[in-house]
Amino acid sequence: MIEDKFEKIEGRIRQSVNMDDENKDALLQLLTELKTEIKSTSVEVGTGLKKDISKIDDEDEGIIKSAFSDINEKIAELEESHPRLVQILNSISTQLSNSGF
């Protein structure tokens, strides 16, 4: 299921007309790293992130904002126990913000 969500997100990035190829490539690389890190984290952490990430595909802006809020809360909780995962998520957020999203 989470793999399907990642595929959809990757597809949206590839099809985006608002991002140049360099930004697309950077985000796609970060998503690949994120998938790897999620697989290597504990089941509890991975499951929580998977649940929040799956909400991002929703069409309701309120649900999407709530998902990002939930993800940000989990990032704060994970900073000490999973620093690489936090670094990747922060990089994705920064890249999206710099791309106008």
Protein backbone atom coordinates (compact mmCIF):
# COMPACT_ATOMS: atom_id res chain seq x y z
CA MET A 1 0.00 0.00 0.00
CA ILE A 2 2.70 2.51 0.94
CA GLU A 3 4.58 1.56 -2.20
CA ASP A 4 1.52 2.59 -4.22
CA LYS A 5 1.47 5.97 -2.46
CA PHE A 6 5.14 6.51 -3.19
CA GLU A 7 4.53 5.63 -6.85
CA LYS A 8 1.70 8.17 -7.04
CA ILE A 9 3.83 10.86 -5.40
CA GLU A 10 6.72 10.06 -7.73
CA GLY A 11 4.36 10.24 -10.72
CA ARG A 12 3.08 13.63 -9.63
CA ILE A 13 6.62 14.92 -9.28
CA ARG A 14 7.58 13.63 -12.74
CA GLN A 15 4.49 15.23 -14.31
CA SER A 16 4.81 18.55 -12.51
CA VAL A 17 5.16 21.53 -14.81
CA ASN A 18 6.00 23.78 -11.85
CA MET A 19 9.38 22.16 -11.17
CA ASP A 20 12.51 22.05 -13.24
CA ASP A 21 14.25 18.74 -13.91
CA GLU A 22 16.91 19.39 -11.27
CA ASN A 23 14.29 19.80 -8.53
CA LYS A 24 12.38 16.76 -9.76
CA ASP A 25 15.53 14.63 -9.68
CA ALA A 26 16.41 15.87 -6.19
CA LEU A 27 12.94 15.08 -4.84
CA LEU A 28 12.86 11.66 -6.48
CA GLN A 29 16.24 10.84 -4.93
CA LEU A 30 15.01 12.00 -1.52
CA LEU A 31 11.90 9.83 -1.84
CA THR A 32 14.11 6.83 -2.62
CA GLU A 33 16.16 7.56 0.49
CA LEU A 34 12.98 8.01 2.52
CA LYS A 35 11.66 4.60 1.44
CA THR A 36 14.93 3.00 2.48
CA GLU A 37 14.93 4.73 5.87
CA ILE A 38 11.30 3.84 6.58
CA LYS A 39 12.07 0.19 5.90
CA SER A 40 14.99 0.30 8.32
CA THR A 41 13.10 1.98 11.18
CA SER A 42 11.07 0.14 13.75
CA VAL A 43 7.71 -1.25 12.72
CA GLU A 44 5.90 1.25 14.96
CA VAL A 45 7.66 4.27 13.49
CA GLY A 46 7.31 3.05 9.92
CA THR A 47 3.63 2.26 10.35
CA GLY A 48 2.90 5.71 11.77
CA LEU A 49 4.71 7.45 8.94
CA LYS A 50 3.10 5.21 6.34
CA LYS A 51 -0.34 6.13 7.68
CA ASP A 52 0.42 9.85 7.54
CA ILE A 53 2.04 9.65 4.10
CA SER A 54 -1.00 7.81 2.75
CA LYS A 55 -3.16 10.84 3.68
CA ILE A 56 -1.14 13.08 1.38
CA ASP A 57 -2.81 11.50 -1.64
CA ASP A 58 -6.23 12.73 -0.50
CA GLU A 59 -7.87 15.51 -2.49
CA ASP A 60 -9.08 17.36 0.63
CA GLU A 61 -6.65 20.18 1.45
CA GLY A 62 -7.54 20.01 5.14
CA ILE A 63 -6.62 16.32 5.30
CA ILE A 64 -3.35 16.99 3.47
CA LYS A 65 -2.45 19.82 5.86
CA SER A 66 -3.36 17.59 8.80
CA ALA A 67 -1.14 14.83 7.40
CA PHE A 68 1.82 17.18 7.11
CA SER A 69 1.15 18.41 10.63
CA ASP A 70 1.11 14.82 11.90
CA ILE A 71 4.33 14.10 10.00
CA ASN A 72 5.97 17.18 11.52
CA GLU A 73 5.00 15.98 15.01
CA LYS A 74 6.55 12.59 14.30
CA ILE A 75 9.67 14.28 12.98
CA ALA A 76 10.08 16.05 16.31
CA GLU A 77 9.71 12.73 18.14
CA LEU A 78 12.18 10.98 15.85
CA GLU A 79 14.98 13.55 15.80
CA GLU A 80 17.01 11.77 18.45
CA SER A 81 16.28 8.17 17.60
CA HIS A 82 16.40 8.40 13.78
CA PRO A 83 18.46 11.44 12.72
CA ARG A 84 18.91 10.33 9.07
CA LEU A 85 15.17 9.90 8.60
CA VAL A 86 14.58 13.38 9.98
CA GLN A 87 17.24 14.82 7.70
CA ILE A 88 15.59 13.27 4.64
CA LEU A 89 12.10 14.49 5.60
CA ASN A 90 13.40 17.99 6.26
CA SER A 91 15.17 17.98 2.90
CA ILE A 92 11.95 16.94 1.15
CA SER A 93 10.02 19.71 2.92
CA THR A 94 12.64 22.28 1.98
CA GLN A 95 12.80 21.12 -1.64
CA LEU A 96 9.01 21.29 -1.96
CA SER A 97 8.88 24.70 -0.33
CA ASN A 98 11.58 26.03 -2.64
CA SER A 99 9.62 24.65 -5.60
CA GLY A 100 6.52 26.61 -4.66
CA PHE A 101 4.54 23.81 -3.02
